[in-house]
Amino acid sequence: MPDSTALIAHNWGFAVFLLGVIGLCAFMLGLSSLLGGKAFGRSKNEPFESGMLPVGSARLRLSAKFYLVAMLFVIFDIEALFLFAWSVSVRESGWAGFVEAFVFIAILLAGLVYLWRVGALDWAPEGRRKRQAMLKQ
């Protein structure tokens, strides 16, 4: 029995915090629904950003290469974060950490060279690349 009371005494602060967060969220949502604007109309429902009226549809078709480059950016950005964490503790990790970081960078470089050779980083369409290659000759 003393274990359960100690556990409750230990976690009561967290429970109060959770109740406070839930209460604050409910208060903000309730207050905004009571005091918020209720006007509706054609111009009221249009998006308005920086004084520019919208032109065309918001459903823009993007190339799959855009998403590929975005994913590659996120992957390499996270790996740069790992290298930053390594650089903070470089003295404690010693030569073993240096060799591991070197292998990590070599694997990243191999992945980048592979993506470059496959053409995943080329934005130009195939026809334009062929014309540019012919012009270079």
N, C-alpha and C. Protein backbone atom coordinates (compact mmCIF):
# COMPACT_ATOMS: atom_id res chain seq x y z
N MET A 1 0.80 -1.20 0.00
CA MET A 1 0.00 0.00 0.00
C MET A 1 0.84 1.27 0.00
N PRO A 2 1.94 1.31 0.72
CA PRO A 2 2.74 2.53 0.71
C PRO A 2 3.31 2.84 -0.68
N ASP A 3 3.51 1.81 -1.51
CA ASP A 3 4.03 2.04 -2.85
C ASP A 3 3.04 2.81 -3.71
N SER A 4 1.76 2.47 -3.60
CA SER A 4 0.75 3.16 -4.41
C SER A 4 0.58 4.60 -3.96
N THR A 5 0.63 4.87 -2.67
CA THR A 5 0.51 6.27 -2.21
C THR A 5 1.74 7.07 -2.61
N ALA A 6 2.91 6.44 -2.59
CA ALA A 6 4.12 7.14 -3.03
C ALA A 6 4.05 7.45 -4.52
N LEU A 7 3.50 6.51 -5.29
CA LEU A 7 3.36 6.73 -6.73
C LEU A 7 2.39 7.86 -7.01
N ILE A 8 1.28 7.89 -6.27
CA ILE A 8 0.30 8.97 -6.44
C ILE A 8 0.90 10.30 -6.03
N ALA A 9 1.63 10.32 -4.93
CA ALA A 9 2.26 11.56 -4.47
C ALA A 9 3.32 12.03 -5.46
N HIS A 10 3.97 11.09 -6.11
CA HIS A 10 5.01 11.45 -7.08
C HIS A 10 4.43 12.03 -8.36
N ASN A 11 3.27 11.52 -8.79
CA ASN A 11 2.69 11.91 -10.09
C ASN A 11 1.56 12.92 -9.99
N TRP A 12 1.27 13.44 -8.82
CA TRP A 12 0.13 14.37 -8.71
C TRP A 12 0.41 15.66 -9.47
N GLY A 13 1.65 16.10 -9.52
CA GLY A 13 1.98 17.32 -10.25
C GLY A 13 1.72 17.18 -11.74
N PHE A 14 2.06 16.02 -12.27
CA PHE A 14 1.81 15.77 -13.68
C PHE A 14 0.32 15.73 -13.98
N ALA A 15 -0.46 15.13 -13.09
CA ALA A 15 -1.91 15.08 -13.28
C ALA A 15 -2.52 16.48 -13.24
N VAL A 16 -2.04 17.31 -12.32
CA VAL A 16 -2.53 18.69 -12.25
C VAL A 16 -2.17 19.45 -13.52
N PHE A 17 -0.96 19.22 -14.02
CA PHE A 17 -0.53 19.86 -15.27
C PHE A 17 -1.44 19.45 -16.42
N LEU A 18 -1.72 18.15 -16.57
CA LEU A 18 -2.59 17.68 -17.65
C LEU A 18 -3.99 18.28 -17.53
N LEU A 19 -4.53 18.30 -16.34
CA LEU A 19 -5.85 18.91 -16.15
C LEU A 19 -5.82 20.40 -16.50
N GLY A 20 -4.76 21.08 -16.14
CA GLY A 20 -4.62 22.49 -16.49
C GLY A 20 -4.55 22.72 -17.98
N VAL A 21 -3.83 21.89 -18.68
CA VAL A 21 -3.71 22.02 -20.14
C VAL A 21 -5.05 21.76 -20.80
N ILE A 22 -5.73 20.72 -20.40
CA ILE A 22 -7.04 20.41 -20.98
C ILE A 22 -8.04 21.53 -20.67
N GLY A 23 -8.01 22.03 -19.45
CA GLY A 23 -8.90 23.13 -19.09
C GLY A 23 -8.60 24.39 -19.87
N LEU A 24 -7.31 24.72 -20.05
CA LEU A 24 -6.94 25.92 -20.80
C LEU A 24 -7.36 25.79 -22.26
N CYS A 25 -7.17 24.62 -22.86
CA CYS A 25 -7.59 24.42 -24.25
C CYS A 25 -9.12 24.55 -24.38
N ALA A 26 -9.85 23.95 -23.46
CA ALA A 26 -11.31 24.06 -23.51
C ALA A 26 -11.75 25.51 -23.32
N PHE A 27 -11.09 26.24 -22.44
CA PHE A 27 -11.43 27.65 -22.20
C PHE A 27 -11.17 28.47 -23.46
N MET A 28 -10.03 28.29 -24.11
CA MET A 28 -9.71 29.08 -25.30
C MET A 28 -10.65 28.75 -26.45
N LEU A 29 -10.97 27.46 -26.66
CA LEU A 29 -11.90 27.11 -27.73
C LEU A 29 -13.30 27.64 -27.46
N GLY A 30 -13.76 27.52 -26.21
CA GLY A 30 -15.09 28.02 -25.86
C GLY A 30 -15.19 29.53 -25.97
N LEU A 31 -14.16 30.24 -25.51
CA LEU A 31 -14.17 31.69 -25.58
C LEU A 31 -14.12 32.19 -27.01
N SER A 32 -13.32 31.53 -27.86
CA SER A 32 -13.26 31.97 -29.25
C SER A 32 -14.56 31.69 -29.99
N SER A 33 -15.26 30.61 -29.63
CA SER A 33 -16.54 30.36 -30.30
C SER A 33 -17.62 31.32 -29.83
N LEU A 34 -17.53 31.78 -28.58
CA LEU A 34 -18.51 32.75 -28.09
C LEU A 34 -18.24 34.16 -28.60
N LEU A 35 -16.99 34.57 -28.62
CA LEU A 35 -16.66 35.95 -28.98
C LEU A 35 -16.26 36.13 -30.44
N GLY A 36 -16.09 35.04 -31.17
CA GLY A 36 -15.63 35.13 -32.56
C GLY A 36 -16.69 35.68 -33.48
N GLY A 37 -16.23 36.10 -34.67
CA GLY A 37 -17.14 36.67 -35.66
C GLY A 37 -18.07 35.62 -36.23
N LYS A 38 -19.29 36.05 -36.51
CA LYS A 38 -20.30 35.14 -37.03
C LYS A 38 -20.78 35.54 -38.43
N ALA A 39 -20.13 36.53 -39.04
CA ALA A 39 -20.58 37.02 -40.34
C ALA A 39 -20.15 36.05 -41.44
N PHE A 40 -21.04 35.82 -42.39
CA PHE A 40 -20.75 34.96 -43.52
C PHE A 40 -21.07 35.73 -44.79
N GLY A 41 -20.39 35.42 -45.84
CA GLY A 41 -20.63 36.06 -47.12
C GLY A 41 -19.61 35.58 -48.14
N ARG A 42 -19.83 36.01 -49.39
CA ARG A 42 -18.93 35.56 -50.45
C ARG A 42 -17.51 36.07 -50.25
N SER A 43 -17.38 37.35 -49.96
CA SER A 43 -16.04 37.91 -49.78
C SER A 43 -15.45 37.55 -48.42
N LYS A 44 -16.29 37.22 -47.47
CA LYS A 44 -15.79 36.84 -46.15
C LYS A 44 -15.11 35.49 -46.18
N ASN A 45 -15.57 34.60 -47.05
CA ASN A 45 -15.02 33.26 -47.10
C ASN A 45 -13.83 33.12 -48.06
N GLU A 46 -13.44 34.20 -48.75
CA GLU A 46 -12.30 34.13 -49.65
C GLU A 46 -11.01 34.32 -48.88
N PRO A 47 -9.97 33.59 -49.23
CA PRO A 47 -8.69 33.82 -48.57
C PRO A 47 -8.10 35.16 -49.00
N PHE A 48 -7.47 35.82 -48.08
CA PHE A 48 -6.91 37.15 -48.34
C PHE A 48 -5.53 37.19 -47.70
N GLU A 49 -4.51 37.21 -48.53
CA GLU A 49 -3.16 37.22 -48.00
C GLU A 49 -2.37 38.36 -48.63
N SER A 50 -1.83 39.22 -47.80
CA SER A 50 -0.95 40.31 -48.21
C SER A 50 -1.59 41.21 -49.25
N GLY A 51 -2.87 41.39 -49.19
CA GLY A 51 -3.54 42.29 -50.11
C GLY A 51 -3.74 41.73 -51.50
N MET A 52 -3.44 40.47 -51.72
CA MET A 52 -3.57 39.87 -53.05
C MET A 52 -4.80 38.98 -53.08
N LEU A 53 -5.64 39.19 -54.06
CA LEU A 53 -6.79 38.32 -54.23
C LEU A 53 -6.34 37.02 -54.88
N PRO A 54 -6.95 35.89 -54.53
CA PRO A 54 -6.52 34.61 -55.09
C PRO A 54 -6.85 34.51 -56.58
N VAL A 55 -5.93 33.88 -57.31
CA VAL A 55 -6.12 33.67 -58.75
C VAL A 55 -5.94 32.18 -59.00
N GLY A 56 -6.91 31.57 -59.60
CA GLY A 56 -6.80 30.15 -59.92
C GLY A 56 -7.14 29.29 -58.73
N SER A 57 -6.81 28.02 -58.88
CA SER A 57 -7.14 27.04 -57.86
C SER A 57 -5.96 26.83 -56.93
N ALA A 58 -6.25 26.43 -55.71
CA ALA A 58 -5.19 26.11 -54.76
C ALA A 58 -4.67 24.71 -54.99
N ARG A 59 -5.34 23.93 -55.79
CA ARG A 59 -4.94 22.55 -56.09
C ARG A 59 -3.89 22.58 -57.20
N LEU A 60 -2.65 22.76 -56.82
CA LEU A 60 -1.56 22.87 -57.76
C LEU A 60 -0.89 21.51 -57.91
N ARG A 61 -0.70 21.09 -59.14
CA ARG A 61 -0.05 19.80 -59.38
C ARG A 61 1.45 20.01 -59.42
N LEU A 62 2.16 19.30 -58.56
CA LEU A 62 3.61 19.40 -58.50
C LEU A 62 4.22 18.10 -58.99
N SER A 63 5.40 18.21 -59.50
CA SER A 63 6.11 17.04 -59.99
C SER A 63 6.52 16.15 -58.81
N ALA A 64 6.62 14.87 -59.06
CA ALA A 64 7.07 13.94 -58.03
C ALA A 64 8.51 14.20 -57.64
N LYS A 65 9.29 14.80 -58.54
CA LYS A 65 10.68 15.13 -58.22
C LYS A 65 10.74 16.15 -57.08
N PHE A 66 9.77 17.02 -57.00
CA PHE A 66 9.74 17.99 -55.91
C PHE A 66 9.67 17.27 -54.57
N TYR A 67 8.81 16.27 -54.47
CA TYR A 67 8.68 15.53 -53.22
C TYR A 67 9.93 14.70 -52.94
N LEU A 68 10.54 14.16 -53.99
CA LEU A 68 11.77 13.40 -53.82
C LEU A 68 12.88 14.28 -53.28
N VAL A 69 13.05 15.47 -53.84
CA VAL A 69 14.09 16.38 -53.36
C VAL A 69 13.76 16.84 -51.95
N ALA A 70 12.49 17.06 -51.64
CA ALA A 70 12.11 17.46 -50.28
C ALA A 70 12.45 16.36 -49.28
N MET A 71 12.16 15.11 -49.63
CA MET A 71 12.51 14.00 -48.72
C MET A 71 14.01 13.87 -48.56
N LEU A 72 14.75 14.03 -49.65
CA LEU A 72 16.20 13.96 -49.57
C LEU A 72 16.75 15.08 -48.69
N PHE A 73 16.17 16.27 -48.80
CA PHE A 73 16.60 17.37 -47.96
C PHE A 73 16.38 17.04 -46.49
N VAL A 74 15.23 16.50 -46.15
CA VAL A 74 14.95 16.16 -44.76
C VAL A 74 15.92 15.09 -44.26
N ILE A 75 16.17 14.08 -45.08
CA ILE A 75 17.08 13.01 -44.68
C ILE A 75 18.48 13.56 -44.44
N PHE A 76 19.01 14.34 -45.38
CA PHE A 76 20.36 14.87 -45.22
C PHE A 76 20.42 15.92 -44.11
N ASP A 77 19.33 16.61 -43.87
CA ASP A 77 19.30 17.59 -42.79
C ASP A 77 19.37 16.88 -41.43
N ILE A 78 18.66 15.79 -41.29
CA ILE A 78 18.70 15.03 -40.03
C ILE A 78 20.08 14.42 -39.83
N GLU A 79 20.69 13.95 -40.91
CA GLU A 79 22.04 13.40 -40.79
C GLU A 79 23.04 14.48 -40.43
N ALA A 80 22.84 15.69 -40.91
CA ALA A 80 23.71 16.80 -40.49
C ALA A 80 23.53 17.08 -39.01
N LEU A 81 22.32 16.91 -38.50
CA LEU A 81 22.07 17.07 -37.08
C LEU A 81 22.82 16.02 -36.27
N PHE A 82 22.88 14.79 -36.76
CA PHE A 82 23.66 13.75 -36.10
C PHE A 82 25.14 14.11 -36.07
N LEU A 83 25.63 14.68 -37.17
CA LEU A 83 27.04 15.08 -37.20
C LEU A 83 27.30 16.24 -36.25
N PHE A 84 26.34 17.12 -36.09
CA PHE A 84 26.51 18.21 -35.14
C PHE A 84 26.59 17.66 -33.71
N ALA A 85 25.74 16.69 -33.40
CA ALA A 85 25.80 16.08 -32.07
C ALA A 85 27.14 15.37 -31.86
N TRP A 86 27.67 14.75 -32.90
CA TRP A 86 28.98 14.12 -32.80
C TRP A 86 30.06 15.16 -32.57
N SER A 87 29.96 16.30 -33.26
CA SER A 87 31.01 17.32 -33.13
C SER A 87 31.03 17.93 -31.73
N VAL A 88 29.92 17.91 -31.05
CA VAL A 88 29.89 18.43 -29.67
C VAL A 88 30.67 17.51 -28.74
N SER A 89 30.61 16.21 -29.01
CA SER A 89 31.28 15.25 -28.13
C SER A 89 32.49 14.61 -28.79
N VAL A 90 33.19 15.33 -29.65
CA VAL A 90 34.30 14.75 -30.39
C VAL A 90 35.46 14.38 -29.48
N ARG A 91 35.71 15.15 -28.45
CA ARG A 91 36.83 14.84 -27.54
C ARG A 91 36.56 13.58 -26.73
N GLU A 92 35.32 13.39 -26.30
CA GLU A 92 34.99 12.22 -25.50
C GLU A 92 34.97 10.95 -26.34
N SER A 93 34.64 11.06 -27.62
CA SER A 93 34.51 9.85 -28.46
C SER A 93 35.86 9.34 -28.95
N GLY A 94 36.86 10.19 -29.01
CA GLY A 94 38.20 9.76 -29.39
C GLY A 94 38.30 9.33 -30.84
N TRP A 95 39.33 8.49 -31.11
CA TRP A 95 39.56 8.04 -32.48
C TRP A 95 38.49 7.10 -32.98
N ALA A 96 37.90 6.32 -32.08
CA ALA A 96 36.83 5.41 -32.50
C ALA A 96 35.64 6.22 -33.01
N GLY A 97 35.30 7.29 -32.33
CA GLY A 97 34.21 8.15 -32.79
C GLY A 97 34.54 8.84 -34.09
N PHE A 98 35.83 9.20 -34.27
CA PHE A 98 36.25 9.84 -35.52
C PHE A 98 36.10 8.87 -36.69
N VAL A 99 36.52 7.63 -36.50
CA VAL A 99 36.39 6.63 -37.56
C VAL A 99 34.92 6.36 -37.87
N GLU A 100 34.09 6.28 -36.84
CA GLU A 100 32.66 6.06 -37.06
C GLU A 100 32.03 7.23 -37.82
N ALA A 101 32.43 8.46 -37.47
CA ALA A 101 31.91 9.62 -38.18
C ALA A 101 32.40 9.62 -39.63
N PHE A 102 33.63 9.21 -39.85
CA PHE A 102 34.16 9.14 -41.21
C PHE A 102 33.38 8.12 -42.04
N VAL A 103 33.09 6.96 -41.46
CA VAL A 103 32.30 5.94 -42.16
C VAL A 103 30.89 6.48 -42.44
N PHE A 104 30.31 7.18 -41.48
CA PHE A 104 28.98 7.76 -41.64
C PHE A 104 28.97 8.76 -42.80
N ILE A 105 29.98 9.63 -42.86
CA ILE A 105 30.07 10.61 -43.94
C ILE A 105 30.31 9.91 -45.28
N ALA A 106 31.11 8.85 -45.28
CA ALA A 106 31.35 8.11 -46.53
C ALA A 106 30.07 7.47 -47.05
N ILE A 107 29.26 6.93 -46.15
CA ILE A 107 27.98 6.35 -46.57
C ILE A 107 27.05 7.43 -47.12
N LEU A 108 27.03 8.59 -46.47
CA LEU A 108 26.23 9.70 -46.98
C LEU A 108 26.69 10.14 -48.35
N LEU A 109 28.00 10.25 -48.52
CA LEU A 109 28.54 10.66 -49.80
C LEU A 109 28.23 9.63 -50.88
N ALA A 110 28.32 8.35 -50.55
CA ALA A 110 27.97 7.31 -51.52
C ALA A 110 26.50 7.40 -51.91
N GLY A 111 25.63 7.66 -50.94
CA GLY A 111 24.20 7.83 -51.25
C GLY A 111 23.95 9.04 -52.13
N LEU A 112 24.66 10.12 -51.87
CA LEU A 112 24.48 11.33 -52.67
C LEU A 112 24.99 11.12 -54.10
N VAL A 113 26.13 10.43 -54.24
CA VAL A 113 26.66 10.14 -55.59
C VAL A 113 25.69 9.23 -56.33
N TYR A 114 25.13 8.24 -55.63
CA TYR A 114 24.15 7.35 -56.27
C TYR A 114 22.94 8.14 -56.76
N LEU A 115 22.40 9.02 -55.93
CA LEU A 115 21.24 9.82 -56.34
C LEU A 115 21.58 10.73 -57.51
N TRP A 116 22.77 11.26 -57.51
CA TRP A 116 23.20 12.12 -58.60
C TRP A 116 23.32 11.33 -59.90
N ARG A 117 23.90 10.11 -59.83
CA ARG A 117 24.09 9.29 -61.02
C ARG A 117 22.76 8.78 -61.57
N VAL A 118 21.82 8.48 -60.69
CA VAL A 118 20.50 8.00 -61.13
C VAL A 118 19.71 9.12 -61.79
N GLY A 119 20.01 10.35 -61.43
CA GLY A 119 19.30 11.50 -61.99
C GLY A 119 18.19 12.00 -61.09
N ALA A 120 18.22 11.62 -59.82
CA ALA A 120 17.16 12.05 -58.91
C ALA A 120 17.26 13.53 -58.58
N LEU A 121 18.41 14.12 -58.82
CA LEU A 121 18.59 15.54 -58.49
C LEU A 121 18.45 16.44 -59.71
N ASP A 122 18.14 15.89 -60.88
CA ASP A 122 17.97 16.68 -62.10
C ASP A 122 16.56 17.21 -62.17
N TRP A 123 16.43 18.51 -62.30
CA TRP A 123 15.11 19.12 -62.40
C TRP A 123 14.65 19.25 -63.84
N ALA A 124 15.60 19.33 -64.77
CA ALA A 124 15.24 19.57 -66.16
C ALA A 124 14.59 18.34 -66.77
N PRO A 125 13.59 18.54 -67.60
CA PRO A 125 13.00 17.40 -68.31
C PRO A 125 14.02 16.77 -69.25
N GLU A 126 13.76 15.55 -69.66
CA GLU A 126 14.70 14.78 -70.48
C GLU A 126 14.99 15.48 -71.81
N GLY A 127 13.98 16.04 -72.46
CA GLY A 127 14.18 16.70 -73.75
C GLY A 127 15.08 17.90 -73.65
N ARG A 128 14.92 18.69 -72.60
CA ARG A 128 15.76 19.87 -72.44
C ARG A 128 17.20 19.48 -72.14
N ARG A 129 17.40 18.39 -71.38
CA ARG A 129 18.76 17.93 -71.10
C ARG A 129 19.45 17.45 -72.37
N LYS A 130 18.69 16.77 -73.25
CA LYS A 130 19.28 16.31 -74.51
C LYS A 130 19.67 17.49 -75.40
N ARG A 131 18.82 18.52 -75.45
CA ARG A 131 19.15 19.71 -76.25
C ARG A 131 20.38 20.41 -75.71
N GLN A 132 20.50 20.50 -74.38
CA GLN A 132 21.67 21.13 -73.80
C GLN A 132 22.93 20.31 -74.06
N ALA A 133 22.82 18.99 -74.03
CA ALA A 133 23.97 18.14 -74.33
C ALA A 133 24.40 18.30 -75.79
N MET A 134 23.42 18.44 -76.70
CA MET A 134 23.76 18.62 -78.11
C MET A 134 24.40 19.98 -78.31
N LEU A 135 23.94 21.00 -77.60
CA LEU A 135 24.52 22.34 -77.75
C LEU A 135 25.96 22.40 -77.22
N LYS A 136 26.26 21.60 -76.23
CA LYS A 136 27.61 21.59 -75.67
C LYS A 136 28.60 20.96 -76.63
N GLN A 137 28.14 20.08 -77.52
CA GLN A 137 29.06 19.40 -78.44
C GLN A 137 29.43 20.27 -79.53
